Amino acid sequence: MKLIKAFIRQRKMEEVFRALKSNGFCCMTMAECEGTGHYSDHEKDHISTKYPYTDAYRVIKLEVLIPDSKVNEIISVIRDNARTGYRGDGMIIVSPVDNVYKVKNESQGIEAL
């Protein structure tokens, strides 16, 4: 199993979400975040009220747990729908997951997804 973390522009979230759903990726977590980096969008930078010592930009962090066999597919869907071609389009991180446990029952691993 893999954990996909994608940091994308806020304005692309709906498009990415719809594309993921239509490609069978039903379950995900989304969170609004602030970040800095070489890929920041200087036209959209703002002074962060949470981190006042830096210029920041707002991004969406999307997290999805998937079987190993779906990694290339989900990366393609996210890239194709999040890309603008400009600096600040974000990044996708793929991490291994040792196991997953459902809270409501005793399922684990792929069955828990």
N, C-alpha and C. Protein backbone atom coordinates (compact mmCIF):
# COMPACT_ATOMS: atom_id res chain seq x y z
N MET A 1 0.84 -1.18 0.00
CA MET A 1 0.00 0.00 0.00
C MET A 1 0.88 1.24 0.00
N LYS A 2 0.32 2.32 -0.52
CA LYS A 2 1.03 3.59 -0.58
C LYS A 2 0.13 4.71 -0.07
N LEU A 3 0.75 5.72 0.50
CA LEU A 3 0.07 6.95 0.87
C LEU A 3 0.52 8.01 -0.11
N ILE A 4 -0.44 8.56 -0.83
CA ILE A 4 -0.17 9.63 -1.77
C ILE A 4 -0.50 10.94 -1.08
N LYS A 5 0.46 11.86 -1.04
CA LYS A 5 0.22 13.23 -0.56
C LYS A 5 0.47 14.15 -1.73
N ALA A 6 -0.51 14.94 -2.05
CA ALA A 6 -0.37 15.90 -3.14
C ALA A 6 -0.65 17.29 -2.60
N PHE A 7 0.25 18.21 -2.90
CA PHE A 7 0.07 19.61 -2.54
C PHE A 7 -0.24 20.34 -3.83
N ILE A 8 -1.45 20.89 -3.92
CA ILE A 8 -1.90 21.50 -5.18
C ILE A 8 -2.52 22.87 -4.92
N ARG A 9 -2.69 23.63 -5.99
CA ARG A 9 -3.33 24.95 -5.89
C ARG A 9 -4.77 24.78 -5.43
N GLN A 10 -5.24 25.72 -4.62
CA GLN A 10 -6.63 25.69 -4.16
C GLN A 10 -7.61 25.69 -5.31
N ARG A 11 -7.36 26.50 -6.30
CA ARG A 11 -8.31 26.63 -7.41
C ARG A 11 -8.41 25.40 -8.28
N LYS A 12 -7.48 24.44 -8.12
CA LYS A 12 -7.51 23.21 -8.91
C LYS A 12 -8.13 22.04 -8.14
N MET A 13 -8.47 22.25 -6.88
CA MET A 13 -8.95 21.15 -6.04
C MET A 13 -10.22 20.51 -6.58
N GLU A 14 -11.20 21.30 -6.97
CA GLU A 14 -12.46 20.72 -7.44
C GLU A 14 -12.23 19.86 -8.68
N GLU A 15 -11.42 20.34 -9.59
CA GLU A 15 -11.11 19.58 -10.81
C GLU A 15 -10.40 18.26 -10.49
N VAL A 16 -9.43 18.32 -9.59
CA VAL A 16 -8.70 17.11 -9.18
C VAL A 16 -9.64 16.15 -8.48
N PHE A 17 -10.45 16.66 -7.57
CA PHE A 17 -11.39 15.82 -6.82
C PHE A 17 -12.35 15.09 -7.77
N ARG A 18 -12.94 15.82 -8.70
CA ARG A 18 -13.89 15.22 -9.65
C ARG A 18 -13.21 14.15 -10.51
N ALA A 19 -11.99 14.42 -10.94
CA ALA A 19 -11.26 13.45 -11.76
C ALA A 19 -10.91 12.20 -10.97
N LEU A 20 -10.51 12.37 -9.72
CA LEU A 20 -10.21 11.21 -8.88
C LEU A 20 -11.46 10.36 -8.67
N LYS A 21 -12.57 11.01 -8.34
CA LYS A 21 -13.83 10.28 -8.13
C LYS A 21 -14.25 9.53 -9.40
N SER A 22 -14.16 10.18 -10.54
CA SER A 22 -14.59 9.53 -11.78
C SER A 22 -13.65 8.41 -12.21
N ASN A 23 -12.45 8.36 -11.64
CA ASN A 23 -11.51 7.28 -11.92
C ASN A 23 -11.48 6.23 -10.82
N GLY A 24 -12.48 6.27 -9.93
CA GLY A 24 -12.61 5.23 -8.92
C GLY A 24 -11.88 5.44 -7.62
N PHE A 25 -11.30 6.60 -7.42
CA PHE A 25 -10.63 6.91 -6.15
C PHE A 25 -11.64 7.65 -5.28
N CYS A 26 -12.31 6.92 -4.40
CA CYS A 26 -13.46 7.48 -3.69
C CYS A 26 -13.11 8.16 -2.38
N CYS A 27 -12.04 7.71 -1.74
CA CYS A 27 -11.83 8.09 -0.35
C CYS A 27 -10.53 8.87 -0.21
N MET A 28 -10.63 10.08 0.30
CA MET A 28 -9.46 10.93 0.43
C MET A 28 -9.65 11.94 1.55
N THR A 29 -8.56 12.53 1.96
CA THR A 29 -8.57 13.59 2.96
C THR A 29 -8.02 14.84 2.31
N MET A 30 -8.65 15.97 2.58
CA MET A 30 -8.21 17.25 2.05
C MET A 30 -8.06 18.23 3.20
N ALA A 31 -7.01 19.03 3.15
CA ALA A 31 -6.80 20.04 4.18
C ALA A 31 -6.21 21.28 3.54
N GLU A 32 -6.67 22.44 3.99
CA GLU A 32 -6.09 23.70 3.54
C GLU A 32 -4.84 23.97 4.36
N CYS A 33 -3.75 24.30 3.68
CA CYS A 33 -2.47 24.52 4.34
C CYS A 33 -1.84 25.81 3.83
N GLU A 34 -0.76 26.20 4.47
CA GLU A 34 0.07 27.30 3.99
C GLU A 34 1.47 26.76 3.83
N GLY A 35 2.18 27.26 2.82
CA GLY A 35 3.52 26.76 2.60
C GLY A 35 4.42 27.82 2.00
N THR A 36 5.70 27.51 1.98
CA THR A 36 6.69 28.34 1.31
C THR A 36 7.58 27.40 0.51
N GLY A 37 8.32 27.92 -0.41
CA GLY A 37 9.23 27.07 -1.18
C GLY A 37 9.64 27.74 -2.47
N HIS A 38 10.50 27.06 -3.19
CA HIS A 38 10.98 27.57 -4.48
C HIS A 38 9.87 27.64 -5.49
N TYR A 39 8.83 26.85 -5.27
CA TYR A 39 7.74 26.77 -6.22
C TYR A 39 6.55 27.64 -5.82
N SER A 40 6.76 28.59 -4.92
CA SER A 40 5.64 29.43 -4.50
C SER A 40 5.17 30.33 -5.64
N ASP A 41 3.94 30.73 -5.56
CA ASP A 41 3.31 31.58 -6.56
C ASP A 41 3.38 33.02 -6.05
N HIS A 42 4.36 33.78 -6.49
CA HIS A 42 4.60 35.10 -5.92
C HIS A 42 3.46 36.08 -6.19
N GLU A 43 2.64 35.81 -7.18
CA GLU A 43 1.48 36.67 -7.41
C GLU A 43 0.40 36.42 -6.37
N LYS A 44 0.42 35.28 -5.72
CA LYS A 44 -0.62 34.92 -4.76
C LYS A 44 -0.08 34.86 -3.33
N ASP A 45 1.19 35.19 -3.11
CA ASP A 45 1.75 35.19 -1.76
C ASP A 45 0.99 36.15 -0.87
N HIS A 46 0.94 35.85 0.39
CA HIS A 46 0.31 36.73 1.36
C HIS A 46 1.08 36.62 2.66
N ILE A 47 0.92 37.60 3.50
CA ILE A 47 1.52 37.52 4.83
C ILE A 47 0.62 36.63 5.66
N SER A 48 1.18 35.57 6.17
CA SER A 48 0.41 34.61 6.93
C SER A 48 0.06 35.18 8.31
N THR A 49 -1.19 35.03 8.70
CA THR A 49 -1.57 35.44 10.05
C THR A 49 -1.15 34.39 11.07
N LYS A 50 -1.03 33.16 10.62
CA LYS A 50 -0.62 32.08 11.52
C LYS A 50 0.90 32.05 11.70
N TYR A 51 1.63 32.37 10.62
CA TYR A 51 3.09 32.38 10.65
C TYR A 51 3.55 33.75 10.15
N PRO A 52 3.46 34.78 11.00
CA PRO A 52 3.66 36.16 10.56
C PRO A 52 5.08 36.48 10.09
N TYR A 53 6.03 35.62 10.31
CA TYR A 53 7.42 35.90 9.95
C TYR A 53 7.74 35.51 8.51
N THR A 54 6.76 35.08 7.75
CA THR A 54 7.06 34.63 6.40
C THR A 54 5.95 34.97 5.42
N ASP A 55 6.33 35.08 4.16
CA ASP A 55 5.34 35.10 3.09
C ASP A 55 4.94 33.66 2.85
N ALA A 56 3.69 33.43 2.64
CA ALA A 56 3.22 32.07 2.46
C ALA A 56 2.24 32.04 1.30
N TYR A 57 1.91 30.85 0.88
CA TYR A 57 0.87 30.69 -0.12
C TYR A 57 -0.05 29.58 0.35
N ARG A 58 -1.29 29.66 -0.05
CA ARG A 58 -2.29 28.68 0.38
C ARG A 58 -2.32 27.53 -0.61
N VAL A 59 -2.32 26.31 -0.07
CA VAL A 59 -2.40 25.11 -0.90
C VAL A 59 -3.38 24.14 -0.26
N ILE A 60 -3.75 23.15 -1.04
CA ILE A 60 -4.55 22.05 -0.53
C ILE A 60 -3.64 20.83 -0.43
N LYS A 61 -3.68 20.17 0.72
CA LYS A 61 -2.98 18.89 0.86
C LYS A 61 -4.03 17.80 0.72
N LEU A 62 -3.82 16.95 -0.25
CA LEU A 62 -4.71 15.85 -0.54
C LEU A 62 -3.99 14.56 -0.16
N GLU A 63 -4.65 13.68 0.59
CA GLU A 63 -4.05 12.41 0.98
C GLU A 63 -4.97 11.26 0.58
N VAL A 64 -4.38 10.22 -0.03
CA VAL A 64 -5.14 9.07 -0.48
C VAL A 64 -4.32 7.81 -0.20
N LEU A 65 -4.94 6.81 0.42
CA LEU A 65 -4.32 5.49 0.60
C LEU A 65 -4.76 4.61 -0.56
N ILE A 66 -3.78 3.97 -1.21
CA ILE A 66 -4.12 3.15 -2.38
C ILE A 66 -3.26 1.89 -2.42
N PRO A 67 -3.73 0.87 -3.17
CA PRO A 67 -2.89 -0.31 -3.41
C PRO A 67 -1.71 0.09 -4.30
N ASP A 68 -0.61 -0.65 -4.19
CA ASP A 68 0.59 -0.36 -4.98
C ASP A 68 0.28 -0.30 -6.48
N SER A 69 -0.62 -1.13 -6.93
CA SER A 69 -0.93 -1.23 -8.36
C SER A 69 -1.57 0.04 -8.93
N LYS A 70 -2.04 0.95 -8.09
CA LYS A 70 -2.75 2.15 -8.55
C LYS A 70 -1.88 3.41 -8.53
N VAL A 71 -0.61 3.29 -8.15
CA VAL A 71 0.24 4.48 -7.97
C VAL A 71 0.36 5.29 -9.26
N ASN A 72 0.75 4.66 -10.35
CA ASN A 72 0.94 5.41 -11.60
C ASN A 72 -0.35 6.05 -12.08
N GLU A 73 -1.47 5.34 -11.91
CA GLU A 73 -2.76 5.87 -12.35
C GLU A 73 -3.14 7.14 -11.58
N ILE A 74 -3.00 7.09 -10.26
CA ILE A 74 -3.41 8.26 -9.47
C ILE A 74 -2.48 9.44 -9.69
N ILE A 75 -1.19 9.17 -9.88
CA ILE A 75 -0.25 10.26 -10.17
C ILE A 75 -0.64 10.95 -11.48
N SER A 76 -0.98 10.16 -12.49
CA SER A 76 -1.40 10.73 -13.77
C SER A 76 -2.66 11.58 -13.63
N VAL A 77 -3.64 11.08 -12.88
CA VAL A 77 -4.89 11.82 -12.71
C VAL A 77 -4.63 13.15 -11.99
N ILE A 78 -3.84 13.12 -10.94
CA ILE A 78 -3.55 14.35 -10.19
C ILE A 78 -2.78 15.32 -11.06
N ARG A 79 -1.71 14.85 -11.71
CA ARG A 79 -0.90 15.74 -12.55
C ARG A 79 -1.73 16.37 -13.67
N ASP A 80 -2.49 15.54 -14.37
CA ASP A 80 -3.26 16.04 -15.51
C ASP A 80 -4.28 17.09 -15.11
N ASN A 81 -4.80 17.00 -13.90
CA ASN A 81 -5.87 17.90 -13.48
C ASN A 81 -5.41 19.04 -12.58
N ALA A 82 -4.20 18.96 -12.04
CA ALA A 82 -3.69 20.01 -11.16
C ALA A 82 -2.73 20.95 -11.90
N ARG A 83 -2.23 20.52 -13.01
CA ARG A 83 -1.19 21.27 -13.73
C ARG A 83 -1.74 22.53 -14.40
N THR A 84 -1.02 23.64 -14.18
CA THR A 84 -1.30 24.87 -14.92
C THR A 84 -0.13 25.20 -15.84
N GLY A 85 1.03 24.61 -15.55
CA GLY A 85 2.23 24.90 -16.33
C GLY A 85 3.05 26.03 -15.75
N TYR A 86 2.60 26.59 -14.63
CA TYR A 86 3.31 27.69 -14.00
C TYR A 86 3.92 27.24 -12.68
N ARG A 87 4.88 28.01 -12.25
CA ARG A 87 5.51 27.79 -10.96
C ARG A 87 4.44 27.78 -9.88
N GLY A 88 4.52 26.84 -8.95
CA GLY A 88 3.55 26.78 -7.86
C GLY A 88 2.49 25.71 -8.05
N ASP A 89 2.65 24.85 -9.06
CA ASP A 89 1.67 23.79 -9.29
C ASP A 89 1.68 22.72 -8.20
N GLY A 90 2.73 22.65 -7.40
CA GLY A 90 2.76 21.73 -6.27
C GLY A 90 3.62 20.51 -6.48
N MET A 91 3.36 19.48 -5.69
CA MET A 91 4.13 18.24 -5.78
C MET A 91 3.29 17.07 -5.28
N ILE A 92 3.74 15.88 -5.66
CA ILE A 92 3.10 14.64 -5.25
C ILE A 92 4.16 13.79 -4.56
N ILE A 93 3.84 13.29 -3.39
CA ILE A 93 4.76 12.46 -2.61
C ILE A 93 4.13 11.08 -2.44
N VAL A 94 4.93 10.04 -2.68
CA VAL A 94 4.46 8.66 -2.53
C VAL A 94 5.26 8.03 -1.40
N SER A 95 4.56 7.52 -0.38
CA SER A 95 5.20 6.89 0.78
C SER A 95 4.66 5.49 0.99
N PRO A 96 5.53 4.56 1.41
CA PRO A 96 5.04 3.21 1.72
C PRO A 96 4.22 3.21 3.01
N VAL A 97 3.25 2.32 3.07
CA VAL A 97 2.41 2.15 4.26
C VAL A 97 2.54 0.70 4.70
N ASP A 98 2.93 0.49 5.94
CA ASP A 98 3.10 -0.88 6.45
C ASP A 98 1.77 -1.58 6.65
N ASN A 99 0.81 -0.90 7.22
CA ASN A 99 -0.49 -1.51 7.46
C ASN A 99 -1.52 -0.43 7.72
N VAL A 100 -2.79 -0.81 7.57
CA VAL A 100 -3.92 0.07 7.84
C VAL A 100 -4.91 -0.74 8.66
N TYR A 101 -5.48 -0.13 9.69
CA TYR A 101 -6.45 -0.80 10.56
C TYR A 101 -7.73 0.01 10.59
N LYS A 102 -8.85 -0.63 10.37
CA LYS A 102 -10.16 0.04 10.51
C LYS A 102 -10.47 0.17 11.99
N VAL A 103 -11.00 1.28 12.37
CA VAL A 103 -11.36 1.51 13.77
C VAL A 103 -12.65 0.77 14.11
N LYS A 104 -13.63 0.77 13.22
CA LYS A 104 -14.95 0.20 13.55
C LYS A 104 -14.99 -1.32 13.58
N ASN A 105 -14.04 -1.98 12.94
CA ASN A 105 -14.01 -3.44 12.97
C ASN A 105 -12.56 -3.93 12.96
N GLU A 106 -12.37 -5.19 12.74
CA GLU A 106 -11.01 -5.73 12.82
C GLU A 106 -10.33 -5.88 11.45
N SER A 107 -10.87 -5.26 10.43
CA SER A 107 -10.23 -5.37 9.12
C SER A 107 -8.92 -4.58 9.10
N GLN A 108 -8.00 -5.07 8.30
CA GLN A 108 -6.71 -4.40 8.16
C GLN A 108 -6.15 -4.64 6.77
N GLY A 109 -5.10 -3.92 6.45
CA GLY A 109 -4.46 -4.06 5.16
C GLY A 109 -5.39 -3.60 4.04
N ILE A 110 -5.28 -4.25 2.89
CA ILE A 110 -6.09 -3.89 1.72
C ILE A 110 -7.57 -3.96 2.03
N GLU A 111 -8.00 -4.91 2.85
CA GLU A 111 -9.42 -5.03 3.21
C GLU A 111 -9.93 -3.80 3.95
N ALA A 112 -9.05 -3.09 4.63
CA ALA A 112 -9.45 -1.90 5.38
C ALA A 112 -9.66 -0.69 4.46
N LEU A 113 -9.10 -0.76 3.26
CA LEU A 113 -9.29 0.35 2.33
C LEU A 113 -10.68 0.32 1.76
